[in-house]
Protein backbone atom coordinates (compact mmCIF):
# COMPACT_ATOMS: atom_id res chain seq x y z
CA MET A 1 174.75 -108.02 -4.27
CA PRO A 2 173.38 -104.82 -5.85
CA TYR A 3 171.53 -102.35 -3.67
CA ARG A 4 169.45 -100.03 -5.82
CA ILE A 5 167.93 -96.71 -4.79
CA ALA A 6 165.53 -94.67 -6.89
CA GLY A 7 165.31 -90.89 -6.91
CA ILE A 8 162.17 -89.10 -8.11
CA ASP A 9 161.99 -85.44 -9.06
CA VAL A 10 158.28 -84.68 -8.70
CA HIS A 11 156.25 -82.36 -10.91
CA LYS A 12 152.55 -81.90 -11.51
CA ARG A 13 152.30 -83.81 -14.80
CA MET A 14 155.52 -85.80 -14.97
CA LEU A 15 158.14 -87.52 -12.83
CA ALA A 16 161.85 -87.73 -13.53
CA VAL A 17 162.91 -91.12 -12.15
CA VAL A 18 166.46 -92.43 -11.85
CA VAL A 19 167.71 -95.76 -10.48
CA ALA A 20 171.29 -96.52 -9.48
CA ASP A 21 173.19 -99.28 -7.71
CA VAL A 22 174.79 -97.58 -4.71
CA GLY A 23 176.66 -100.70 -3.60
CA VAL A 24 179.41 -100.23 -6.17
CA GLU A 25 182.70 -98.53 -5.38
CA THR A 26 182.88 -96.79 -8.74
CA GLU A 27 180.80 -93.85 -9.92
CA TYR A 28 177.05 -94.42 -9.92
CA VAL A 29 175.44 -95.35 -13.24
CA PHE A 30 171.87 -94.02 -13.41
CA GLU A 31 169.01 -95.44 -15.42
CA ARG A 32 166.58 -92.69 -16.37
CA ARG A 33 162.87 -92.72 -17.11
CA ILE A 34 160.08 -90.18 -17.57
CA VAL A 35 156.73 -91.21 -16.01
CA GLY A 36 153.34 -89.48 -15.99
CA THR A 37 151.28 -88.84 -12.87
CA THR A 38 147.94 -90.46 -13.77
CA PRO A 39 146.85 -93.41 -11.59
CA ASP A 40 147.65 -96.00 -14.29
CA GLN A 41 151.07 -94.50 -14.95
CA LEU A 42 151.90 -94.46 -11.23
CA ARG A 43 150.94 -98.14 -10.94
CA THR A 44 153.22 -98.82 -13.90
CA LEU A 45 156.01 -96.99 -12.05
CA ALA A 46 155.50 -99.19 -8.98
CA ALA A 47 155.73 -102.35 -11.10
CA TRP A 48 158.85 -101.03 -12.86
CA LEU A 49 160.59 -100.30 -9.55
CA SER A 50 159.82 -103.84 -8.41
CA GLU A 51 161.29 -105.25 -11.62
CA ARG A 52 164.49 -103.24 -11.07
CA ASP A 53 164.75 -104.58 -7.46
CA VAL A 54 164.77 -101.07 -6.01
CA GLU A 55 165.21 -101.20 -2.22
CA GLU A 56 164.60 -97.55 -1.31
CA VAL A 57 162.90 -94.58 -2.94
CA VAL A 58 163.59 -90.93 -2.20
CA MET A 59 161.49 -88.09 -3.63
CA GLU A 60 161.34 -84.33 -3.27
CA SER A 61 158.45 -82.67 -1.44
CA THR A 62 157.14 -80.51 -4.28
CA ALA A 63 153.95 -78.77 -3.09
CA GLN A 64 151.25 -81.45 -2.78
CA TYR A 65 152.24 -83.31 -5.96
CA TRP A 66 154.28 -85.90 -4.06
CA ARG A 67 151.24 -87.27 -2.22
CA PRO A 68 149.74 -89.41 -5.04
CA VAL A 69 153.19 -90.82 -5.83
CA TRP A 70 153.80 -91.66 -2.17
CA GLU A 71 150.42 -93.33 -1.68
CA VAL A 72 150.68 -95.52 -4.79
CA LEU A 73 154.19 -96.68 -3.89
CA GLU A 74 153.10 -97.23 -0.29
CA ARG A 75 150.22 -99.47 -1.36
CA GLN A 76 151.75 -101.38 -4.30
CA TRP A 77 155.55 -101.25 -4.16
CA GLN A 78 156.42 -101.16 -0.45
CA PRO A 79 154.57 -104.35 0.69
CA SER A 80 156.15 -106.49 -2.03
CA ARG A 81 159.66 -105.40 -1.03
CA ARG A 82 159.11 -106.02 2.66
CA ALA A 83 157.45 -109.41 2.15
CA ARG A 84 160.60 -111.00 0.70
CA ALA A 85 162.55 -113.45 2.80
CA GLU A 86 165.82 -111.62 2.12
CA ALA A 87 164.37 -108.18 2.89
CA GLY A 88 166.62 -105.95 4.96
CA PRO A 89 165.67 -103.38 7.61
CA MET A 90 165.51 -100.59 4.99
CA SER A 91 163.82 -102.56 2.25
CA GLY A 92 160.78 -100.76 0.94
CA ALA A 93 161.72 -97.51 2.69
CA LEU A 94 160.17 -94.31 1.34
CA HIS A 95 161.93 -91.02 2.01
CA LEU A 96 160.55 -87.50 1.55
CA ALA A 97 163.31 -84.91 1.25
CA GLN A 98 162.85 -81.21 1.85
CA ALA A 99 163.47 -79.32 -1.37
CA GLN A 100 165.84 -76.86 0.25
CA SER A 101 168.27 -79.63 1.19
CA ASN A 102 168.50 -80.75 -2.46
CA GLN A 103 169.38 -77.42 -4.02
CA GLY A 104 172.00 -77.52 -6.75
CA PRO A 105 174.40 -74.87 -8.06
CA ARG A 106 172.69 -71.80 -9.42
CA GLY A 107 171.99 -72.08 -13.12
CA ARG A 108 172.38 -75.88 -13.10
CA LYS A 109 168.87 -77.04 -12.31
CA LYS A 110 167.55 -79.87 -14.46
CA ASP A 111 165.09 -82.64 -13.76
CA PHE A 112 167.28 -85.73 -14.04
CA PRO A 113 170.32 -84.18 -12.29
CA ASP A 114 167.99 -83.18 -9.44
CA ALA A 115 166.79 -86.79 -9.12
CA GLU A 116 170.38 -88.08 -9.22
CA ARG A 117 171.39 -85.57 -6.57
CA LEU A 118 168.62 -86.93 -4.33
CA VAL A 119 170.16 -90.41 -4.46
CA LYS A 120 173.71 -89.17 -3.88
CA ARG A 121 172.78 -86.99 -0.94
CA LEU A 122 170.59 -89.70 0.61
CA VAL A 123 173.57 -92.08 0.62
CA ALA A 124 175.77 -89.32 2.07
CA HIS A 125 173.13 -88.47 4.75
CA GLU A 126 172.98 -84.87 3.52
CA LEU A 127 169.21 -84.64 3.01
CA ILE A 128 166.72 -83.24 5.52
CA LEU A 129 163.94 -85.84 5.57
CA SER A 130 160.36 -85.10 6.55
CA PHE A 131 158.24 -87.18 8.91
CA VAL A 132 155.40 -88.78 6.91
CA PRO A 133 152.97 -90.77 9.10
CA GLU A 134 151.01 -93.79 8.01
CA MET A 135 147.94 -93.49 5.81
CA THR A 136 145.43 -93.56 8.69
CA GLN A 137 147.17 -90.76 10.53
CA ARG A 138 147.40 -88.73 7.32
CA LEU A 139 143.61 -88.86 7.15
CA TRP A 140 143.47 -87.51 10.71
CA ARG A 141 145.79 -84.69 9.68
CA THR A 142 143.68 -83.85 6.65
CA VAL A 143 140.54 -83.51 8.77
CA THR A 144 142.16 -81.48 11.57
CA ARG A 145 143.97 -79.13 9.19
CA ARG A 146 140.81 -78.58 7.18
CA LYS A 147 139.03 -77.74 10.41
CA ASP A 148 141.78 -75.27 11.29
CA GLN A 149 141.36 -73.62 7.88
CA LEU A 150 137.61 -73.30 8.40
CA THR A 151 138.19 -71.81 11.85
CA GLY A 152 140.47 -69.22 10.28
CA ASN A 153 137.83 -68.51 7.63
CA ARG A 154 135.29 -67.99 10.40
CA VAL A 155 137.55 -65.41 12.08
CA GLN A 156 138.09 -63.62 8.75
CA LEU A 157 134.35 -63.60 8.14
CA GLN A 158 133.79 -62.18 11.62
CA ASN A 159 136.22 -59.34 10.85
CA ARG A 160 134.51 -58.65 7.52
CA LEU A 161 131.17 -58.56 9.32
CA GLU A 162 132.52 -55.97 11.75
CA SER A 163 133.78 -53.87 8.84
CA LEU A 164 130.39 -54.11 7.10
CA LEU A 165 128.49 -53.08 10.24
CA GLU A 166 130.76 -50.09 10.81
CA GLU A 167 130.31 -49.01 7.19
CA ALA A 168 126.54 -49.28 7.59
CA HIS A 169 126.79 -47.33 10.90
CA ILE A 170 125.27 -50.16 12.95
CA LYS A 171 127.11 -50.03 16.30
CA VAL A 172 126.05 -53.42 17.68
CA SER A 173 129.58 -54.51 18.54
CA SER A 174 130.00 -51.47 20.79
CA LEU A 175 127.34 -52.83 23.16
CA VAL A 176 127.33 -56.61 22.53
CA SER A 177 130.62 -58.33 23.34
CA ASP A 178 130.00 -61.32 21.05
CA ARG A 179 128.71 -60.12 17.70
CA LEU A 180 128.23 -63.75 16.65
CA GLY A 181 126.29 -64.70 19.79
CA ALA A 182 122.61 -65.58 19.92
CA SER A 183 121.37 -62.05 20.69
CA ALA A 184 123.52 -60.34 18.07
CA ARG A 185 122.52 -62.88 15.42
CA ARG A 186 118.82 -62.41 16.07
CA MET A 187 119.16 -58.68 15.69
CA LEU A 188 121.35 -58.91 12.58
CA ARG A 189 119.00 -61.39 10.92
CA ALA A 190 116.09 -59.06 11.58
CA ILE A 191 117.98 -56.18 9.95
CA ALA A 192 118.94 -58.39 6.98
CA SER A 193 115.31 -59.45 6.52
CA GLY A 194 114.20 -55.80 6.16
CA ASP A 195 113.12 -54.72 9.65
CA THR A 196 113.36 -50.93 9.95
CA ASP A 197 112.16 -50.30 13.53
CA PRO A 198 115.14 -50.01 15.93
CA ALA A 199 112.94 -50.75 18.96
CA THR A 200 111.65 -53.98 17.43
CA VAL A 201 115.17 -55.09 16.56
CA ALA A 202 116.50 -54.14 20.01
CA ALA A 203 113.75 -56.20 21.67
CA LEU A 204 115.30 -59.33 20.15
CA GLY A 205 118.33 -58.97 22.42
CA SER A 206 118.63 -61.02 25.55
CA PRO A 207 117.58 -59.42 28.86
CA ARG A 208 120.98 -60.44 30.22
CA LEU A 209 122.76 -57.90 28.01
CA HIS A 210 124.41 -55.10 29.95
CA ALA A 211 123.17 -52.54 27.42
CA THR A 212 119.80 -50.94 28.10
CA PRO A 213 117.01 -50.95 25.46
CA ALA A 214 117.56 -47.23 24.94
CA GLN A 215 121.25 -47.79 24.20
CA LEU A 216 120.45 -50.60 21.77
CA CYS A 217 117.90 -48.44 19.96
CA ASP A 218 120.49 -45.70 19.62
CA ALA A 219 123.11 -48.17 18.25
CA LEU A 220 120.58 -49.60 15.78
CA GLY A 221 119.21 -46.25 14.65
CA ALA A 222 120.76 -46.58 11.18
CA CYS A 223 118.55 -49.53 10.27
CA HIS A 224 115.63 -47.10 9.78
CA ASP A 225 116.96 -45.90 6.41
CA LEU A 226 119.58 -48.57 5.68
CA GLN A 227 120.49 -49.13 2.05
CA PRO A 228 119.10 -52.40 0.59
CA VAL A 229 122.61 -53.33 -0.56
CA TYR A 230 123.83 -53.48 3.04
CA ARG A 231 120.89 -55.72 3.98
CA ARG A 232 121.72 -58.16 1.18
CA LEU A 233 125.42 -58.17 2.07
CA LEU A 234 124.55 -58.78 5.72
CA ARG A 235 122.26 -61.66 4.77
CA MET A 236 124.97 -63.21 2.57
CA THR A 237 127.53 -62.91 5.38
CA LEU A 238 125.25 -64.61 7.91
CA GLU A 239 124.43 -67.41 5.48
CA GLU A 240 128.12 -67.96 4.78
CA LEU A 241 128.77 -68.08 8.50
CA ASP A 242 126.08 -70.74 8.98
CA VAL A 243 127.67 -72.87 6.23
CA ILE A 244 131.14 -72.63 7.79
CA GLU A 245 129.86 -73.57 11.24
CA ALA A 246 127.90 -76.51 9.81
CA HIS A 247 131.07 -77.77 8.11
CA ILE A 248 133.03 -77.43 11.35
CA ARG A 249 130.42 -79.52 13.18
CA GLU A 250 130.61 -82.19 10.47
CA LEU A 251 134.40 -82.31 10.76
CA ASP A 252 134.11 -82.61 14.55
CA GLU A 253 131.85 -85.64 14.12
CA GLU A 254 134.14 -87.15 11.50
CA LEU A 255 137.23 -86.69 13.68
CA ALA A 256 135.47 -88.20 16.69
CA ARG A 257 134.60 -91.23 14.58
CA LEU A 258 138.15 -91.63 13.27
CA LEU A 259 139.73 -91.33 16.74
CA ARG A 260 137.20 -93.50 18.56
CA PRO A 261 139.72 -96.40 18.93
CA HIS A 262 142.13 -93.97 20.65
CA GLN A 263 139.63 -92.34 22.97
CA ALA A 264 141.70 -93.24 26.03
CA ALA A 265 144.74 -91.40 24.64
CA VAL A 266 142.57 -88.37 23.84
CA GLN A 267 141.23 -88.26 27.40
CA ARG A 268 144.70 -88.61 28.97
CA LEU A 269 146.10 -85.84 26.81
CA ALA A 270 143.09 -83.59 27.37
CA ALA A 271 143.78 -83.78 31.13
CA VAL A 272 147.06 -81.86 30.69
CA PRO A 273 146.70 -78.26 31.93
CA GLY A 274 146.02 -75.95 29.01
CA LEU A 275 144.75 -78.66 26.68
CA GLY A 276 141.25 -79.89 25.90
CA VAL A 277 139.55 -82.51 23.76
CA ASP A 278 139.84 -80.46 20.57
CA SER A 279 143.55 -79.67 21.00
CA ALA A 280 144.24 -83.26 22.12
CA GLN A 281 142.68 -84.62 18.92
CA GLN A 282 144.78 -82.27 16.82
CA MET A 283 147.99 -83.20 18.62
CA ILE A 284 147.30 -86.92 18.20
CA ALA A 285 146.64 -86.33 14.50
CA GLU A 286 150.05 -84.70 14.18
CA VAL A 287 152.29 -87.04 16.22
CA GLY A 288 150.19 -90.21 16.61
CA PRO A 289 148.41 -91.68 19.64
CA THR A 290 151.67 -92.81 21.28
CA ALA A 291 154.24 -90.55 19.56
CA ALA A 292 156.21 -93.73 18.86
CA THR A 293 158.22 -92.04 16.10
CA PHE A 294 159.99 -89.87 18.68
CA ALA A 295 162.15 -91.81 21.10
CA THR A 296 162.41 -89.03 23.68
CA ALA A 297 160.59 -85.84 24.62
CA LYS A 298 163.65 -83.86 23.48
CA ARG A 299 163.33 -85.20 19.94
CA LEU A 300 159.64 -84.37 19.91
CA ALA A 301 160.35 -80.82 21.11
CA SER A 302 163.05 -80.46 18.44
CA TRP A 303 160.69 -81.62 15.68
CA VAL A 304 157.97 -79.27 16.91
CA GLY A 305 160.43 -76.38 17.06
CA SER A 306 159.79 -75.48 20.70
CA CYS A 307 163.44 -75.78 21.77
CA PRO A 308 166.14 -73.11 21.40
CA GLY A 309 168.42 -73.38 18.41
CA ASP A 310 172.20 -73.01 18.13
CA GLN A 311 174.23 -70.94 15.69
CA GLU A 312 177.77 -71.23 16.94
CA SER A 313 180.95 -69.96 15.34
CA ALA A 314 184.40 -69.71 16.93
CA GLY A 315 182.98 -70.78 20.28
CA VAL A 316 180.38 -67.99 20.29
CA ASN A 317 176.66 -68.75 19.94
CA HIS A 318 175.23 -65.90 17.89
CA SER A 319 171.57 -66.96 17.94
CA HIS A 320 169.20 -69.13 19.97
CA ARG A 321 166.32 -68.71 17.54
CA SER A 322 164.08 -71.75 17.52
CA PRO A 323 163.75 -73.78 14.32
CA LYS A 324 160.56 -73.53 12.29
CA GLY A 325 159.39 -77.04 13.13
CA ASN A 326 155.79 -78.16 12.68
CA ARG A 327 153.50 -75.15 12.33
CA GLN A 328 150.38 -76.94 13.57
CA MET A 329 152.05 -78.25 16.73
CA ARG A 330 153.69 -74.91 17.45
CA ARG A 331 150.33 -73.19 17.20
CA LEU A 332 148.69 -75.75 19.50
CA LEU A 333 151.47 -75.58 22.09
CA ASN A 334 151.52 -71.78 22.05
CA GLN A 335 147.80 -71.68 22.70
CA ALA A 336 148.05 -74.41 25.33
CA ALA A 337 150.95 -72.65 27.08
CA ASN A 338 149.01 -69.39 27.26
CA ALA A 339 146.08 -71.26 28.78
CA ALA A 340 148.22 -73.37 31.11
CA VAL A 341 149.93 -70.41 32.78
CA LYS A 342 146.46 -69.21 33.80
CA THR A 343 145.52 -72.57 35.33
CA LYS A 344 145.84 -72.66 39.10
CA GLY A 345 148.30 -75.26 40.34
CA SER A 346 149.88 -75.80 36.92
CA SER A 347 153.64 -76.38 36.75
CA CYS A 348 153.73 -74.04 33.75
CA ILE A 349 153.15 -71.10 36.11
CA ALA A 350 156.57 -71.78 37.57
CA GLY A 351 158.07 -71.97 34.09
CA SER A 352 156.63 -68.61 33.09
CA SER A 353 157.90 -66.97 36.26
CA CYS A 354 161.33 -68.51 35.75
CA VAL A 355 161.55 -67.10 32.23
CA SER A 356 160.97 -63.61 33.59
CA ASP A 357 163.75 -64.13 36.15
CA MET A 358 166.95 -63.01 34.39
CA ARG A 359 169.06 -64.73 37.03
CA ARG A 360 167.89 -68.14 35.77
CA PRO A 361 168.28 -68.03 31.98
CA SER A 362 168.22 -71.82 31.68
CA ALA A 363 164.69 -72.20 33.10
CA PRO A 364 162.15 -73.83 30.78
CA SER A 365 159.51 -71.80 28.97
CA PRO A 366 155.77 -72.53 29.29
CA ILE A 367 155.82 -74.08 25.80
CA ALA A 368 158.55 -76.50 26.88
CA CYS A 369 156.54 -77.37 29.99
CA VAL A 370 153.42 -78.14 27.97
CA ALA A 371 155.43 -80.15 25.43
CA SER A 372 156.95 -82.26 28.20
CA SER A 373 153.56 -82.71 29.89
CA GLY A 374 151.97 -83.71 26.59
CA ARG A 375 154.74 -86.18 25.86
CA PHE A 376 154.35 -87.77 29.30
CA SER A 377 150.57 -87.95 28.90
CA MET A 378 150.80 -89.64 25.48
CA THR A 379 153.46 -92.18 26.45
CA ALA A 380 152.15 -93.04 29.91
CA SER A 381 150.84 -96.57 30.32
CA PRO A 382 147.02 -96.67 30.29
CA THR A 383 146.96 -99.30 33.06
CA ARG A 384 148.84 -96.98 35.38
CA ASN A 385 146.56 -94.01 34.78
CA VAL A 386 143.06 -95.52 34.77
CA GLY A 387 141.20 -94.01 37.71
CA ARG A 388 144.34 -92.23 38.91
CA PRO A 389 144.24 -88.50 38.24
CA SER A 390 147.67 -86.91 38.19
CA PRO A 391 148.44 -85.13 41.47
CA LYS A 392 148.38 -81.33 41.34
CA ARG A 393 151.48 -79.55 42.53
CA GLU A 394 151.41 -76.10 43.93
CA PRO A 395 153.45 -73.49 42.02
CA SER A 396 155.98 -73.29 44.83
CA ASP A 397 156.62 -77.06 44.67
CA ALA A 398 156.93 -76.95 40.89
CA ARG A 399 159.43 -74.08 41.12
CA ARG A 400 161.64 -76.05 43.50
CA ARG A 401 161.71 -78.98 41.07
């Protein structure tokens, strides 16, 4: 019985599609077709793959252009293949291959040969496949990653604001620790609106500030003869900051609504030392509420890239550099590890002290401790943890374990 696999070389405006029967013992015979990327053309592609009885589809992860192709095949081609009575365990499987694992000889790159190479290397298990979650989890990822981008934009805007204030010779940040706090914003808005009296602007600061009114007046002395251009730029920067923060609040509300059915998993994960509700939501968006795709904590740590790598030759390991892994999870675990080692009673304190001990090179790092704790928190049974907070171990007990 024929077993057909399709390979798709993805581009922005066109797709190079090949289909071959990989169940034959002779050389593969490929059927080629060029398809567009509009919604109607992608639906036509899904119907054509069903007519050819294609069991699996493998495509290359070209920028973001693979996403519409994946979603159309996931909605229209995959269910029909899995609903058949004779469907096998891999029927309707979609594979996303990393482009680097499908590189051909230099000077021999063409669209259809690239698609054919995808099929051949998938059969030979030579492709590096990416983890693509279900559609609902992809929506979670889109929201959390957009929020991370806005947070980065907010930090960039804060740095640009500092540069603008220094250029205008307004030394607020020298006396106010948070230049985006309530006191600093009141004073900056007054300057942007045209106020020229340093004493009036300084009076807008909170009485809890460590700086005295005389010091604030001295730092704000330049607003007396400030150029109108600086006032307009300051007003534009503050308005842009308000827009970014409003968008972040909207994304927080949207993410809370999307993850409401998994609130128990969010709370369990947020209880891990170093993590909180925000980081727990982002981790669940990346790996799922139960991390069911990863059979063990070691596989999860390997996918994240928080485990040491191996580069061995002739019995000598030349490098233990960690793999790249998932950038979002690495960022979250790095931040969580830095927070966890400062939490009293956390087992990660023992891990950080063990890393600094050169006599114990095999001791886990704080990142590995947080990854293991997060994996345990996500996979623990809810019925065993309701009303039962995890016992806190002292650092000495954790070091002995």
